[in-house]
Amino acid sequence: MRYYVGIDMGTSSVKVLLMDESGCIVKDSSRGYAVSEPRPGWKEIDPEFWMKAASEALEELLEYVDAEDIVSIGVTGQMHTVVMLDEAGRPIRPALMWNDTRTSGLLADIKERIRQTAEVPYLANVISTGSPAMNLYWFQQNEPENFDRMKKFLIGPDYIVYRLTGKYQTDYCEASTSSLFDLNNRKWSSEIRDMLGFPEEIYPEVKGSGQIAGTIKEEWVKKFGLEERVSVTVGTGDNPAAAISTGCFLKKYPVLSLGTSGVLMVPREKTEFDAKGKNILFSFDGEEIDVLIQGVVQSCGNSFSWWTNTILRTDSFEEETRYADVNKLGENQLLFYPHLTGDKTIYADPHLRGGFFGIGTDCTREDMTVAVMEGICFGVRQLADEMHLRDRIQEGLRVIGGGSKNDVWMQILADVLNVKIIQLKSASGGAGYGIALTAASGGGSGISMEEMIEKTVISGREYLPRKRHVQLYEKKYQRYMKIYEAMKLIYE
């Protein structure tokens, strides 16, 4: 039996999984680490913490299989986090994280300067605090001596690939979301480079995610007992990796992930800057380049967990919806606004907050629970409209994540969107599994991605919209759409 390793480098932990050649997950392991916050809003970490955590988790997994049967390794993880390396390949300082906000005071000026560029003015709507472009600019302005020592920068998971292989490279996803990349011409932007004053030699080479970055270095061969032939693929960010595991890229269908955040993603043939949503470039082989459009309802599963765990003080998600009458959905006038932790895609308003509207003395616990699910579904509908994706989901929307397992929630979603909802059953549906699939098909194994996806991604139950409930939710949605302006008036 041959085995493939997927490493998923998250914000607070690394998860490593072991997949066999049939696509089954044999075992997974994780190790946590702490992010440093030396000042309010600053988020940074020693990159070696990632390597130490990944090494320990991999050592645990190798207790279950013969290390000589490992064929290839794939790495994915948090996008945007930037690592600065010196001539010897050592980190010059702690990595600046994706959620670091130290550059907030510099952002407006950089946005305006980008708007004046000839080729990449659209990046003004993309760049944000925590992006590699802004964090590197802060590094240059505030630590010039260290900046001058920098030989290369890498983005998040690229560092683990570098430590395993000794090769400096990144993939199209990490490059295209850095705000340093020309998405139309598919190359590092010389305009942004000149504007910010960055040397050309600090940029890593951009490759396809499934291409082989290199073979594993001798130190890791000795440490883990691996074969010298073990390959490491270039890897990609966590969002495309998750899209791979659901069949989103291969089958070209839209997918909604109902996790902590609600992430709506759909592949397109070209970038689209007129609609809301992030344009992410992805290439498996370095030749054919796809575009993944992604938008987020920031408070999705965490809105429901706030309601059930914090307010109702129960851990039973299913119990709270067990007695909901699906035939009466949409009749209650209670509204819930789900943006408890701000919004990224629709309004780009981090200060936005949520609320219940229309509470009366006849309101029950069940009414409020259903309203929370409805509010999240309204948020998804608005997101699809703002991303110009309503036409793409008319033939059906595949849904993964914890929320997809709840029958009431899925029926509400079908009625609110007026489309067929299809539960997806995959071996994982996560980024770590997606990058293990990439390692299997790109690491010289001879296994095709098509073959793997056909075996591992299975459609489950389908939920059809019901005419009466579609009409009820249409009226309710029109009231929902008035909440944002009302909230602005209340809290201005």
Protein backbone atom coordinates (compact mmCIF):
# COMPACT_ATOMS: atom_id res chain seq x y z
CA MET A 1 0.00 0.00 0.00
CA ARG A 2 1.26 3.47 -0.89
CA TYR A 3 0.53 6.48 1.32
CA TYR A 4 0.32 10.24 0.87
CA VAL A 5 0.69 12.98 3.46
CA GLY A 6 -1.37 16.17 3.62
CA ILE A 7 -0.13 18.99 5.88
CA ASP A 8 -2.63 21.78 6.68
CA MET A 9 -1.00 24.73 8.42
CA GLY A 10 -3.72 26.65 10.25
CA THR A 11 -3.67 29.84 12.29
CA SER A 12 -3.31 28.10 15.64
CA SER A 13 -2.39 24.51 14.76
CA VAL A 14 -1.01 22.19 12.10
CA LYS A 15 -3.07 19.16 11.09
CA VAL A 16 -1.35 16.29 9.28
CA LEU A 17 -3.26 13.42 7.70
CA LEU A 18 -2.24 10.15 6.12
CA MET A 19 -4.18 8.98 3.05
CA ASP A 20 -3.85 5.64 1.31
CA GLU A 21 -3.93 5.07 -2.44
CA SER A 22 -7.67 4.39 -2.40
CA GLY A 23 -8.35 7.87 -1.01
CA CYS A 24 -9.16 6.74 2.54
CA ILE A 25 -7.81 8.69 5.50
CA VAL A 26 -5.81 6.27 7.61
CA LYS A 27 -5.07 8.60 10.50
CA ASP A 28 -4.64 12.28 11.32
CA SER A 29 -2.82 14.19 14.01
CA SER A 30 -2.49 17.81 15.02
CA ARG A 31 -0.26 20.05 17.12
CA GLY A 32 -1.04 23.55 18.33
CA TYR A 33 1.09 26.65 18.72
CA ALA A 34 0.67 30.17 20.04
CA VAL A 35 0.61 33.34 17.97
CA SER A 36 2.44 36.28 19.53
CA GLU A 37 0.72 39.66 19.92
CA PRO A 38 3.51 42.07 20.98
CA ARG A 39 1.18 45.05 20.50
CA PRO A 40 -2.59 45.38 20.06
CA GLY A 41 -3.47 44.28 16.52
CA TRP A 42 -0.05 42.77 15.83
CA LYS A 43 -0.03 39.03 15.07
CA GLU A 44 3.22 37.23 14.41
CA ILE A 45 4.84 33.83 14.86
CA ASP A 46 8.21 32.14 14.63
CA PRO A 47 7.93 30.03 11.41
CA GLU A 48 9.86 27.22 13.06
CA PHE A 49 6.81 26.65 15.28
CA TRP A 50 5.02 25.40 12.16
CA MET A 51 7.85 23.06 11.28
CA LYS A 52 8.13 21.70 14.81
CA ALA A 53 4.38 21.08 15.01
CA ALA A 54 4.26 19.42 11.58
CA SER A 55 7.24 17.22 12.44
CA GLU A 56 5.72 16.02 15.70
CA ALA A 57 2.36 15.28 14.08
CA LEU A 58 4.01 13.39 11.21
CA GLU A 59 6.12 11.33 13.63
CA GLU A 60 2.93 10.24 15.37
CA LEU A 61 1.33 9.16 12.08
CA LEU A 62 4.37 7.14 11.05
CA GLU A 63 3.79 4.87 14.03
CA TYR A 64 0.85 3.40 12.08
CA VAL A 65 2.51 2.72 8.71
CA ASP A 66 5.92 1.88 7.32
CA ALA A 67 7.69 5.16 6.51
CA GLU A 68 9.15 3.56 3.38
CA ASP A 69 5.63 3.37 1.91
CA ILE A 70 5.20 7.18 1.88
CA VAL A 71 5.26 8.40 -1.74
CA SER A 72 4.65 12.14 -1.62
CA ILE A 73 3.73 15.07 0.63
CA GLY A 74 1.44 18.04 -0.01
CA VAL A 75 1.25 21.25 2.02
CA THR A 76 -1.58 23.76 2.34
CA GLY A 77 -2.62 26.34 4.89
CA GLN A 78 -3.35 29.93 5.79
CA MET A 79 -3.09 32.39 2.95
CA HIS A 80 -1.36 35.83 3.15
CA THR A 81 0.97 35.19 6.13
CA VAL A 82 4.42 36.28 4.97
CA VAL A 83 7.87 34.95 5.94
CA MET A 84 11.11 36.90 5.30
CA LEU A 85 14.29 34.86 4.77
CA ASP A 86 17.95 35.92 4.75
CA GLU A 87 20.83 34.74 2.53
CA ALA A 88 21.12 31.50 4.52
CA GLY A 89 17.38 30.81 4.27
CA ARG A 90 16.70 31.62 7.92
CA PRO A 91 13.74 33.74 9.05
CA ILE A 92 14.92 37.31 9.71
CA ARG A 93 12.06 38.01 12.10
CA PRO A 94 8.75 36.41 13.10
CA ALA A 95 6.30 35.94 10.23
CA LEU A 96 3.61 38.61 9.88
CA MET A 97 0.21 36.92 10.03
CA TRP A 98 -2.78 37.23 7.72
CA ASN A 99 -4.87 38.73 10.55
CA ASP A 100 -2.27 41.33 11.57
CA THR A 101 -3.68 44.87 11.42
CA ARG A 102 -0.56 46.95 12.08
CA THR A 103 -0.73 48.37 8.54
CA SER A 104 -4.18 49.94 8.92
CA GLY A 105 -2.73 53.47 9.00
CA LEU A 106 -0.84 52.90 5.74
CA LEU A 107 -3.63 51.27 3.79
CA ALA A 108 -5.58 54.30 2.49
CA ASP A 109 -2.49 55.87 0.90
CA ILE A 110 -1.42 52.60 -0.77
CA LYS A 111 -4.94 52.01 -2.10
CA GLU A 112 -4.98 55.45 -3.69
CA ARG A 113 -1.57 54.92 -5.26
CA ILE A 114 -2.69 51.59 -6.69
CA ARG A 115 -5.81 53.21 -8.20
CA GLN A 116 -3.48 55.41 -10.27
CA THR A 117 -1.69 52.44 -11.86
CA ALA A 118 -2.30 51.58 -15.51
CA GLU A 119 -2.51 47.79 -15.36
CA VAL A 120 -3.62 46.80 -11.84
CA PRO A 121 -6.00 49.46 -10.45
CA TYR A 122 -8.37 46.64 -9.41
CA LEU A 123 -5.88 45.64 -6.70
CA ALA A 124 -7.00 48.73 -4.76
CA ASN A 125 -10.21 46.81 -3.99
CA VAL A 126 -8.26 43.69 -3.05
CA ILE A 127 -5.39 44.86 -0.85
CA SER A 128 -6.04 44.86 2.88
CA THR A 129 -4.30 44.74 6.22
CA GLY A 130 -2.49 41.43 6.61
CA SER A 131 -1.82 41.01 2.89
CA PRO A 132 1.81 40.21 1.92
CA ALA A 133 2.06 43.50 -0.01
CA MET A 134 1.11 45.59 3.04
CA ASN A 135 3.13 43.56 5.54
CA LEU A 136 6.24 43.68 3.35
CA TYR A 137 5.75 47.43 2.91
CA TRP A 138 5.51 47.86 6.70
CA PHE A 139 8.68 45.76 7.05
CA GLN A 140 10.51 47.98 4.57
CA GLN A 141 9.37 51.21 6.25
CA ASN A 142 9.90 50.17 9.87
CA GLU A 143 12.81 47.70 9.78
CA PRO A 144 14.87 48.88 6.79
CA GLU A 145 18.09 47.16 7.89
CA ASN A 146 16.30 43.82 8.19
CA PHE A 147 14.50 44.44 4.89
CA ASP A 148 17.85 44.88 3.15
CA ARG A 149 18.95 41.48 4.49
CA MET A 150 15.98 39.72 2.89
CA LYS A 151 16.82 37.31 0.07
CA LYS A 152 13.33 35.86 -0.41
CA PHE A 153 9.84 36.15 0.97
CA LEU A 154 7.53 33.14 1.13
CA ILE A 155 3.84 32.88 1.96
CA GLY A 156 2.61 30.64 4.78
CA PRO A 157 2.78 26.98 3.73
CA ASP A 158 5.56 27.76 1.23
CA TYR A 159 7.89 27.86 4.22
CA ILE A 160 7.19 24.22 5.15
CA VAL A 161 7.77 23.21 1.51
CA TYR A 162 11.05 25.15 1.58
CA ARG A 163 12.17 23.48 4.81
CA LEU A 164 11.35 20.04 3.40
CA THR A 165 13.00 20.58 -0.01
CA GLY A 166 15.28 23.63 0.17
CA LYS A 167 13.37 25.19 -2.78
CA TYR A 168 11.92 28.72 -2.88
CA GLN A 169 8.58 28.78 -4.66
CA THR A 170 4.91 29.57 -4.32
CA ASP A 171 1.77 28.71 -6.26
CA TYR A 172 -0.73 30.80 -8.24
CA CYS A 173 -3.19 30.95 -5.34
CA GLU A 174 -0.74 32.39 -2.83
CA ALA A 175 0.71 34.76 -5.44
CA SER A 176 -2.67 35.98 -6.71
CA THR A 177 -3.95 36.80 -3.21
CA SER A 178 -0.77 38.65 -2.19
CA SER A 179 -1.78 42.00 -3.84
CA LEU A 180 1.61 41.83 -5.58
CA PHE A 181 0.40 39.84 -8.60
CA ASP A 182 -1.09 40.93 -11.92
CA LEU A 183 -4.12 38.63 -12.19
CA ASN A 184 -4.81 39.49 -15.83
CA ASN A 185 -1.27 38.89 -17.10
CA ARG A 186 -0.62 36.07 -14.62
CA LYS A 187 2.73 37.33 -13.29
CA TRP A 188 4.22 39.39 -10.46
CA SER A 189 3.21 43.02 -11.06
CA SER A 190 6.18 45.20 -12.02
CA GLU A 191 3.99 48.26 -11.37
CA ILE A 192 3.37 47.29 -7.74
CA ARG A 193 7.00 46.26 -7.32
CA ASP A 194 8.25 49.64 -8.56
CA MET A 195 5.65 51.56 -6.59
CA LEU A 196 6.60 49.88 -3.32
CA GLY A 197 10.32 49.79 -4.09
CA PHE A 198 10.80 46.03 -3.72
CA PRO A 199 13.79 44.27 -5.33
CA GLU A 200 12.78 41.77 -8.03
CA GLU A 201 15.04 39.04 -6.64
CA ILE A 202 13.07 38.68 -3.38
CA TYR A 203 10.06 37.21 -5.24
CA PRO A 204 9.70 33.40 -5.33
CA GLU A 205 9.05 31.48 -8.54
CA VAL A 206 5.35 30.75 -9.21
CA LYS A 207 4.41 27.16 -10.11
CA GLY A 208 1.38 24.89 -10.32
CA SER A 209 0.16 23.41 -7.05
CA GLY A 210 0.52 19.82 -8.25
CA GLN A 211 4.00 20.28 -9.66
CA ILE A 212 6.86 18.72 -7.74
CA ALA A 213 8.75 21.29 -5.68
CA GLY A 214 11.55 18.83 -4.98
CA THR A 215 12.40 15.66 -3.12
CA ILE A 216 12.69 15.59 0.62
CA LYS A 217 16.01 16.72 2.13
CA GLU A 218 18.40 14.26 3.74
CA GLU A 219 17.81 15.58 7.26
CA TRP A 220 14.12 14.58 7.02
CA VAL A 221 14.95 11.27 5.36
CA LYS A 222 17.04 10.39 8.40
CA LYS A 223 14.62 11.83 10.95
CA PHE A 224 11.52 10.04 9.67
CA GLY A 225 13.03 7.00 7.95
CA LEU A 226 11.57 8.07 4.60
CA GLU A 227 12.84 7.08 1.19
CA GLU A 228 14.99 9.68 -0.60
CA ARG A 229 12.58 9.56 -3.54
CA VAL A 230 9.67 11.06 -1.52
CA SER A 231 8.45 14.11 -3.46
CA VAL A 232 6.91 17.31 -2.10
CA THR A 233 4.41 19.15 -4.28
CA VAL A 234 4.33 22.95 -4.49
CA GLY A 235 1.02 23.09 -2.60
CA THR A 236 -1.58 25.84 -2.38
CA GLY A 237 -3.73 27.91 -0.02
CA ASP A 238 -6.40 26.34 2.14
CA ASN A 239 -9.36 27.59 0.09
CA PRO A 240 -8.36 26.01 -3.25
CA ALA A 241 -7.28 22.87 -1.40
CA ALA A 242 -10.75 22.59 0.13
CA ALA A 243 -12.27 23.21 -3.31
CA ILE A 244 -10.21 20.31 -4.69
CA SER A 245 -11.52 17.91 -2.07
CA THR A 246 -15.16 18.70 -2.91
CA GLY A 247 -14.78 18.31 -6.67
CA CYS A 248 -15.49 22.04 -7.12
CA PHE A 249 -12.56 22.54 -9.52
CA LEU A 250 -12.79 19.28 -11.39
CA LYS A 251 -16.58 19.29 -11.81
CA LYS A 252 -16.84 23.08 -12.21
CA TYR A 253 -19.80 23.37 -9.83
CA PRO A 254 -20.39 25.91 -7.02
CA VAL A 255 -19.91 24.77 -3.42
CA LEU A 256 -21.05 26.31 -0.14
CA SER A 257 -19.13 25.38 3.00
CA LEU A 258 -21.20 25.89 6.15
CA GLY A 259 -18.45 25.96 8.75
CA THR A 260 -17.44 28.67 11.20
CA SER A 261 -17.77 31.02 8.24
CA GLY A 262 -20.05 30.42 5.28
CA VAL A 263 -17.76 30.24 2.24
CA LEU A 264 -19.31 30.31 -1.23
CA MET A 265 -16.90 29.34 -4.01
CA VAL A 266 -17.30 28.76 -7.71
CA PRO A 267 -14.74 28.24 -10.49
CA ARG A 268 -14.81 30.60 -13.48
CA GLU A 269 -12.81 30.78 -16.68
CA LYS A 270 -11.68 34.36 -16.11
CA THR A 271 -11.39 36.95 -13.39
CA GLU A 272 -14.34 39.19 -12.60
CA PHE A 273 -13.68 42.45 -10.79
CA ASP A 274 -17.12 44.04 -11.14
CA ALA A 275 -18.72 41.59 -8.71
CA LYS A 276 -18.05 41.14 -5.01
CA GLY A 277 -15.77 38.29 -3.99
CA LYS A 278 -12.12 37.38 -4.08
CA ASN A 279 -10.55 36.23 -7.36
CA ILE A 280 -8.12 33.39 -6.64
CA LEU A 281 -5.97 31.94 -9.41
CA PHE A 282 -5.27 28.23 -9.31
CA SER A 283 -3.20 25.96 -11.51
CA PHE A 284 -2.51 22.30 -10.95
CA ASP A 285 0.10 21.79 -13.67
CA GLY A 286 1.43 25.33 -14.14
CA GLU A 287 -0.11 25.50 -17.62
CA GLU A 288 -3.91 25.66 -17.31
CA ILE A 289 -4.95 28.39 -14.89
CA ASP A 290 -8.43 28.49 -13.35
CA VAL A 291 -10.13 31.22 -11.35
CA LEU A 292 -11.89 30.49 -8.05
CA ILE A 293 -14.32 33.22 -7.00
CA GLN A 294 -14.87 33.17 -3.25
CA GLY A 295 -17.12 35.12 -0.92
CA VAL A 296 -17.79 34.83 2.79
CA VAL A 297 -20.60 35.23 5.29
CA GLN A 298 -18.21 35.77 8.16
CA SER A 299 -20.54 34.67 10.95
CA CYS A 300 -22.11 31.40 9.87
CA GLY A 301 -21.58 28.34 12.04
CA ASN A 302 -20.24 30.59 14.75
CA SER A 303 -23.58 32.49 14.79
CA PHE A 304 -25.40 29.23 15.40
CA SER A 305 -22.87 28.04 17.99
CA TRP A 306 -23.15 31.41 19.75
CA TRP A 307 -26.90 30.92 19.93
CA THR A 308 -26.89 27.27 21.01
CA ASN A 309 -23.75 27.13 23.16
CA THR A 310 -23.43 30.61 24.66
CA ILE A 311 -27.05 31.70 24.94
CA LEU A 312 -29.00 28.44 25.24
CA ARG A 313 -26.10 26.67 26.97
CA THR A 314 -26.55 23.42 25.09
CA ASP A 315 -24.19 21.38 22.97
CA SER A 316 -26.97 19.55 21.17
CA PHE A 317 -27.24 21.14 17.73
CA GLU A 318 -29.70 18.53 16.46
CA GLU A 319 -31.88 18.64 19.57
CA GLU A 320 -32.54 22.35 19.06
CA THR A 321 -34.04 21.74 15.61
CA ARG A 322 -35.62 18.34 16.21
CA TYR A 323 -39.17 19.64 16.66
CA ALA A 324 -39.11 22.42 14.06
CA ASP A 325 -42.09 22.04 11.72
CA VAL A 326 -40.67 22.29 8.18
CA ASN A 327 -44.21 22.89 6.86
CA LYS A 328 -44.43 26.16 8.80
CA LEU A 329 -41.02 27.52 7.82
CA GLY A 330 -41.16 31.15 6.71
CA GLU A 331 -44.42 31.91 8.50
CA ASN A 332 -42.80 33.47 11.58
CA GLN A 333 -42.00 37.18 11.14
CA LEU A 334 -38.94 37.12 13.42
CA LEU A 335 -35.70 38.16 11.68
CA PHE A 336 -32.10 37.47 12.65
CA TYR A 337 -29.18 39.45 11.23
CA PRO A 338 -26.15 37.13 11.21
CA HIS A 339 -23.18 39.52 10.96
CA LEU A 340 -22.08 39.10 14.59
CA THR A 341 -18.37 39.58 13.83
CA GLY A 342 -18.52 42.04 10.93
CA ASP A 343 -18.59 41.40 7.20
CA LYS A 344 -15.81 40.91 4.64
CA THR A 345 -17.41 40.47 1.22
CA ILE A 346 -20.78 42.22 1.01
CA TYR A 347 -20.12 45.45 2.92
CA ALA A 348 -16.42 45.11 3.90
CA ASP A 349 -17.50 46.44 7.30
CA PRO A 350 -15.58 44.93 10.24
CA HIS A 351 -17.71 46.91 12.71
CA LEU A 352 -21.05 45.52 11.52
CA ARG A 353 -22.97 43.55 14.14
CA GLY A 354 -26.08 41.38 14.26
CA GLY A 355 -29.40 41.27 16.06
CA PHE A 356 -32.93 39.88 16.37
CA PHE A 357 -35.79 41.96 14.94
CA GLY A 358 -39.52 41.61 15.62
CA ILE A 359 -39.41 39.82 18.97
CA GLY A 360 -42.80 39.56 20.68
CA THR A 361 -44.12 37.92 23.82
CA ASP A 362 -45.30 35.00 21.71
CA CYS A 363 -41.75 34.33 20.49
CA THR A 364 -40.42 30.90 21.46
CA ARG A 365 -37.00 29.37 21.78
CA GLU A 366 -37.73 27.31 18.66
CA ASP A 367 -38.74 30.45 16.72
CA MET A 368 -35.42 32.10 17.56
CA THR A 369 -33.41 29.01 16.66
CA VAL A 370 -35.10 28.79 13.26
CA ALA A 371 -34.63 32.55 12.76
CA VAL A 372 -30.87 32.16 13.27
CA MET A 373 -30.72 29.55 10.50
CA GLU A 374 -32.93 31.68 8.26
CA GLY A 375 -30.77 34.75 8.80
CA ILE A 376 -27.65 32.87 7.79
CA CYS A 377 -29.44 31.62 4.65
CA PHE A 378 -30.51 35.17 3.81
CA GLY A 379 -26.87 36.18 4.17
CA VAL A 380 -25.88 33.43 1.72
CA ARG A 381 -28.53 34.60 -0.76
CA GLN A 382 -27.33 38.19 -0.58
CA LEU A 383 -23.75 36.98 -1.00
CA ALA A 384 -24.69 35.00 -4.13
CA ASP A 385 -26.43 38.09 -5.56
CA GLU A 386 -23.49 40.38 -4.83
CA MET A 387 -21.09 37.87 -6.41
CA HIS A 388 -23.31 37.59 -9.55
CA LEU A 389 -23.63 33.85 -8.99
CA ARG A 390 -27.40 33.39 -9.06
CA ASP A 391 -27.19 31.99 -12.59
CA ARG A 392 -24.44 29.56 -11.59
CA ILE A 393 -26.41 28.00 -8.74
CA GLN A 394 -29.71 27.52 -10.61
CA GLU A 395 -28.89 23.89 -11.42
CA GLY A 396 -28.10 23.16 -7.78
CA LEU A 397 -25.77 24.11 -4.96
CA ARG A 398 -23.53 21.52 -3.28
CA VAL A 399 -23.11 22.06 0.45
CA ILE A 400 -20.48 20.74 2.87
CA GLY A 401 -19.59 21.45 6.49
CA GLY A 402 -21.30 20.86 9.81
CA GLY A 403 -24.41 22.84 8.88
CA SER A 404 -25.03 20.68 5.81
CA LYS A 405 -25.90 17.72 8.04
CA ASN A 406 -29.00 19.42 9.47
CA ASP A 407 -32.18 18.66 7.48
CA VAL A 408 -34.09 21.74 8.67
CA TRP A 409 -31.26 24.10 7.76
CA MET A 410 -30.88 22.55 4.30
CA GLN A 411 -34.61 22.85 3.57
CA ILE A 412 -34.55 26.50 4.62
CA LEU A 413 -31.58 27.09 2.31
CA ALA A 414 -33.40 25.46 -0.63
CA ASP A 415 -36.50 27.61 -0.03
CA VAL A 416 -34.57 30.86 0.50
CA LEU A 417 -32.36 30.41 -2.59
CA ASN A 418 -35.10 28.73 -4.64
CA VAL A 419 -32.61 26.13 -5.89
CA LYS A 420 -31.92 22.44 -5.31
CA ILE A 421 -29.52 21.84 -2.41
CA ILE A 422 -27.28 18.78 -2.58
CA GLN A 423 -25.42 17.44 0.43
CA LEU A 424 -21.88 16.40 -0.39
CA LYS A 425 -20.40 13.39 1.30
CA SER A 426 -16.64 13.23 0.87
CA ALA A 427 -13.95 11.51 2.88
CA SER A 428 -13.15 14.84 4.45
CA GLY A 429 -14.03 17.93 2.46
CA GLY A 430 -11.17 19.76 4.15
CA ALA A 431 -8.03 21.48 2.93
CA GLY A 432 -5.72 18.79 4.33
CA TYR A 433 -7.55 16.11 2.37
CA GLY A 434 -7.52 18.21 -0.79
CA ILE A 435 -3.77 18.69 -0.61
CA ALA A 436 -3.26 14.95 0.05
CA LEU A 437 -5.23 14.29 -3.17
CA THR A 438 -2.96 16.78 -4.92
CA ALA A 439 0.12 15.00 -3.58
CA ALA A 440 -1.25 11.66 -4.79
CA SER A 441 -2.03 12.83 -8.32
CA GLY A 442 0.88 15.23 -8.72
CA GLY A 443 3.63 13.39 -6.90
CA GLY A 444 4.47 10.90 -9.63
CA SER A 445 2.11 8.19 -8.36
CA GLY A 446 0.24 7.72 -11.62
CA ILE A 447 -3.10 8.28 -9.84
CA SER A 448 -5.33 10.80 -11.61
CA MET A 449 -7.27 13.47 -9.74
CA GLU A 450 -10.39 12.49 -11.73
CA GLU A 451 -10.13 8.92 -10.46
CA MET A 452 -9.74 10.06 -6.86
CA ILE A 453 -12.63 12.54 -6.96
CA GLU A 454 -14.98 10.00 -8.53
CA LYS A 455 -14.28 7.61 -5.65
CA THR A 456 -14.27 10.03 -2.74
CA VAL A 457 -16.89 12.71 -3.46
CA ILE A 458 -20.43 11.32 -3.19
CA SER A 459 -23.68 13.26 -3.40
CA GLY A 460 -26.07 12.72 -0.50
CA ARG A 461 -29.61 13.87 0.10
CA GLU A 462 -31.21 16.50 -2.11
CA TYR A 463 -33.56 19.26 -0.90
CA LEU A 464 -35.98 20.87 -3.37
CA PRO A 465 -37.50 24.36 -3.02
CA ARG A 466 -41.23 24.45 -2.25
CA LYS A 467 -43.32 27.08 -4.05
CA ARG A 468 -45.31 28.32 -1.02
CA HIS A 469 -42.23 28.59 1.19
CA VAL A 470 -40.22 30.26 -1.57
CA GLN A 471 -42.90 32.97 -1.69
CA LEU A 472 -42.93 33.36 2.10
CA TYR A 473 -39.16 33.69 2.24
CA GLU A 474 -39.13 36.15 -0.67
CA LYS A 475 -41.24 38.58 1.38
CA LYS A 476 -39.13 37.97 4.47
CA TYR A 477 -35.90 38.49 2.51
CA GLN A 478 -37.08 41.90 1.28
CA ARG A 479 -37.49 42.98 4.91
CA TYR A 480 -34.09 41.47 5.77
CA MET A 481 -32.46 43.61 3.07
CA LYS A 482 -33.55 46.81 4.87
CA ILE A 483 -31.67 45.95 8.06
CA TYR A 484 -28.22 47.25 7.06
CA GLU A 485 -29.37 50.82 6.41
CA ALA A 486 -31.46 50.76 9.60
CA MET A 487 -28.44 49.58 11.60
CA LYS A 488 -26.34 52.39 10.14
CA LEU A 489 -28.94 54.94 11.24
CA ILE A 490 -29.11 53.47 14.73
CA TYR A 491 -25.37 53.22 15.34
CA GLU A 492 -23.95 56.11 13.29
